[in-house]
N, C-alpha and C. Protein backbone atom coordinates (compact mmCIF):
# COMPACT_ATOMS: atom_id res chain seq x y z
N MET A 1 140.12 123.86 -138.68
CA MET A 1 139.13 122.54 -140.16
C MET A 1 137.26 122.23 -138.85
N LYS A 2 135.74 122.83 -139.55
CA LYS A 2 134.79 122.95 -139.15
C LYS A 2 134.58 121.26 -138.58
N ARG A 3 134.00 120.78 -138.35
CA ARG A 3 133.93 119.53 -137.59
C ARG A 3 132.78 118.68 -139.84
N GLN A 4 131.33 119.51 -139.67
CA GLN A 4 131.02 119.51 -141.40
C GLN A 4 132.38 119.57 -142.36
N THR A 5 133.39 120.92 -142.40
CA THR A 5 133.89 119.77 -143.16
C THR A 5 135.19 119.59 -143.42
N LEU A 6 135.27 118.53 -142.53
CA LEU A 6 136.47 117.76 -142.18
C LEU A 6 135.74 116.33 -142.81
N GLY A 7 134.37 116.31 -142.31
CA GLY A 7 133.71 115.29 -142.81
C GLY A 7 133.91 115.31 -144.59
N ARG A 8 133.48 116.36 -144.72
CA ARG A 8 132.96 115.75 -146.22
C ARG A 8 134.48 115.95 -146.75
N VAL A 9 135.39 115.90 -146.16
CA VAL A 9 137.49 115.95 -147.36
C VAL A 9 137.22 114.04 -146.68
N LEU A 10 136.63 113.81 -145.90
CA LEU A 10 136.85 112.42 -145.74
C LEU A 10 135.80 111.82 -146.56
N ILE A 11 134.61 111.97 -146.58
CA ILE A 11 134.00 111.19 -148.11
C ILE A 11 134.76 111.63 -149.01
N ILE A 12 135.66 112.82 -149.40
CA ILE A 12 135.54 112.38 -151.08
C ILE A 12 136.89 111.85 -150.98
N VAL A 13 137.44 111.89 -150.03
CA VAL A 13 138.95 111.00 -150.29
C VAL A 13 138.96 109.45 -150.09
N GLY A 14 137.87 109.16 -149.34
CA GLY A 14 136.31 107.56 -149.60
C GLY A 14 136.51 107.72 -150.33
N VAL A 15 136.05 108.52 -151.35
CA VAL A 15 135.30 108.05 -152.91
C VAL A 15 136.72 107.44 -154.21
N LEU A 16 137.53 108.53 -153.88
CA LEU A 16 138.29 108.69 -154.40
C LEU A 16 139.52 107.58 -154.05
N MET A 17 139.82 106.92 -153.30
CA MET A 17 140.36 105.28 -153.25
C MET A 17 140.16 104.61 -154.27
N TRP A 18 138.46 104.69 -154.97
CA TRP A 18 137.83 103.41 -156.02
C TRP A 18 138.73 104.10 -157.54
N VAL A 19 139.38 105.31 -157.31
CA VAL A 19 140.31 105.66 -158.39
C VAL A 19 141.21 104.60 -158.93
N PRO A 20 142.88 104.41 -158.21
CA PRO A 20 144.13 103.71 -158.06
C PRO A 20 142.93 101.93 -158.83
N TYR A 21 142.14 101.64 -157.71
CA TYR A 21 141.72 100.34 -158.41
C TYR A 21 140.79 100.20 -159.67
N PHE A 22 140.11 101.61 -159.69
CA PHE A 22 139.54 101.06 -161.16
C PHE A 22 141.50 101.89 -162.44
N ILE A 23 141.83 102.44 -162.54
CA ILE A 23 142.80 102.35 -162.81
C ILE A 23 143.24 101.14 -163.84
N LEU A 24 143.80 100.51 -162.37
CA LEU A 24 144.05 98.76 -162.56
C LEU A 24 143.93 98.01 -162.78
N LYS A 25 142.47 97.90 -162.75
CA LYS A 25 140.86 97.42 -163.43
C LYS A 25 141.25 97.78 -164.86
N ALA A 26 140.96 98.87 -164.97
CA ALA A 26 141.26 98.94 -166.66
C ALA A 26 142.57 98.32 -167.64
N ASN A 27 144.14 98.59 -166.60
CA ASN A 27 145.03 98.36 -167.29
C ASN A 27 145.09 96.41 -167.30
N GLY A 28 144.47 95.71 -166.75
CA GLY A 28 144.31 94.36 -166.50
C GLY A 28 144.32 93.65 -166.19
N ALA A 29 144.89 94.70 -164.77
CA ALA A 29 145.95 94.04 -163.64
C ALA A 29 144.93 93.33 -162.72
N GLN A 30 145.62 92.12 -161.96
CA GLN A 30 144.35 91.11 -161.09
C GLN A 30 144.58 92.22 -159.83
N VAL A 31 143.79 93.04 -159.45
CA VAL A 31 143.11 93.19 -158.28
C VAL A 31 142.44 93.10 -157.71
N GLU A 32 142.55 92.85 -156.58
CA GLU A 32 141.46 92.13 -154.52
C GLU A 32 141.01 93.86 -154.54
N VAL A 33 139.77 93.15 -153.58
CA VAL A 33 139.37 94.78 -153.38
C VAL A 33 138.79 95.13 -152.77
N ALA A 34 139.30 93.59 -151.10
CA ALA A 34 139.48 94.19 -149.85
C ALA A 34 139.61 95.53 -150.00
N PRO A 35 141.70 95.76 -150.49
CA PRO A 35 142.27 96.55 -149.17
C PRO A 35 141.56 98.31 -150.19
N PHE A 36 140.71 97.55 -150.93
CA PHE A 36 140.71 99.47 -151.68
C PHE A 36 138.71 99.63 -150.76
N LEU A 37 138.34 98.30 -150.52
CA LEU A 37 136.85 99.07 -150.19
C LEU A 37 137.27 99.59 -148.39
N ILE A 38 138.36 98.50 -147.83
CA ILE A 38 138.47 99.05 -146.24
C ILE A 38 138.55 100.56 -146.07
N ALA A 39 139.74 100.83 -146.98
CA ALA A 39 139.98 102.37 -147.74
C ALA A 39 139.16 103.25 -147.68
N HIS A 40 138.01 103.06 -148.91
CA HIS A 40 136.63 103.86 -148.90
C HIS A 40 135.81 103.40 -148.01
N LEU A 41 135.95 102.48 -146.34
CA LEU A 41 134.82 102.49 -145.69
C LEU A 41 135.65 103.68 -144.38
N SER A 42 136.95 102.80 -144.19
CA SER A 42 137.41 104.28 -143.60
C SER A 42 136.90 105.85 -143.80
N GLY A 43 137.43 106.24 -144.74
CA GLY A 43 137.05 106.85 -145.23
C GLY A 43 135.84 108.29 -145.66
N VAL A 44 133.80 106.91 -145.98
CA VAL A 44 133.10 107.34 -145.55
C VAL A 44 132.34 107.08 -144.46
N ILE A 45 132.76 106.51 -144.17
CA ILE A 45 131.99 106.71 -142.50
C ILE A 45 131.94 107.31 -141.29
N PRO A 46 132.98 107.64 -140.94
CA PRO A 46 133.42 108.43 -140.50
C PRO A 46 132.90 110.17 -141.68
N GLY A 47 133.67 109.41 -142.16
CA GLY A 47 133.32 111.76 -143.49
C GLY A 47 131.07 111.69 -142.72
N ALA A 48 129.93 110.54 -142.82
CA ALA A 48 129.16 110.57 -143.30
C ALA A 48 129.18 111.31 -141.64
N ILE A 49 129.69 109.84 -140.36
CA ILE A 49 129.28 110.53 -139.45
C ILE A 49 129.21 113.08 -138.57
N LEU A 50 130.52 112.80 -139.31
CA LEU A 50 130.97 114.15 -138.85
C LEU A 50 130.21 116.18 -140.06
N ALA A 51 129.77 115.42 -141.13
CA ALA A 51 129.26 115.51 -142.59
C ALA A 51 128.05 117.03 -141.99
N PRO A 52 127.33 115.58 -141.09
CA PRO A 52 125.70 116.40 -141.21
C PRO A 52 125.42 117.85 -140.75
N SER A 53 124.95 118.47 -140.87
CA SER A 53 124.59 119.68 -140.62
C SER A 53 124.24 120.05 -138.64
N ASP A 54 124.83 120.54 -138.03
CA ASP A 54 124.56 121.10 -136.65
C ASP A 54 122.74 120.88 -136.80
N THR A 55 122.36 121.05 -137.49
CA THR A 55 120.31 120.79 -137.39
C THR A 55 120.11 119.11 -136.94
N LEU A 56 120.67 118.24 -138.12
CA LEU A 56 120.76 117.30 -138.20
C LEU A 56 121.09 116.68 -136.62
N TRP A 57 122.03 116.78 -136.35
CA TRP A 57 122.31 116.35 -135.39
C TRP A 57 122.01 116.43 -133.86
N ARG A 58 121.65 117.73 -133.70
CA ARG A 58 121.23 118.64 -132.36
C ARG A 58 119.50 117.30 -132.74
N ARG A 59 119.20 117.63 -133.86
CA ARG A 59 117.73 116.26 -133.23
C ARG A 59 117.86 114.96 -133.64
N LEU A 60 118.76 114.40 -133.91
CA LEU A 60 119.37 113.56 -133.51
C LEU A 60 120.03 112.95 -131.27
N THR A 61 120.48 113.78 -131.10
CA THR A 61 120.49 114.43 -130.46
C THR A 61 119.76 113.91 -129.01
N ARG A 62 118.85 115.31 -129.85
CA ARG A 62 117.69 114.98 -129.20
C ARG A 62 116.76 113.83 -128.92
N ARG A 63 116.74 113.33 -130.05
CA ARG A 63 115.42 111.75 -130.14
C ARG A 63 115.94 110.25 -129.30
N ILE A 64 117.44 110.81 -129.30
CA ILE A 64 118.81 109.99 -128.61
C ILE A 64 117.80 109.98 -126.71
N GLU A 65 117.68 110.99 -126.23
CA GLU A 65 117.78 111.50 -124.91
C GLU A 65 116.86 111.39 -124.42
N ARG A 66 115.79 111.63 -125.47
CA ARG A 66 114.34 111.32 -125.42
C ARG A 66 113.96 109.96 -124.82
N GLU A 67 115.17 108.59 -125.76
CA GLU A 67 114.68 107.41 -125.36
C GLU A 67 115.10 106.80 -123.30
């Protein structure tokens, strides 16, 4: 699997972590946000790192190497 594809999948899964939260909330259950936020960020942050195009990745690495 390509890095970009894996990143996009992680972002989608991370965003979908909120679906059960909102379903439970809509049904009147008292739900804590923390577990859903942790699951969300565990998918979105690595996905955001992996998903950018190679061009953007090359620009960032060149900028870091210059400094």
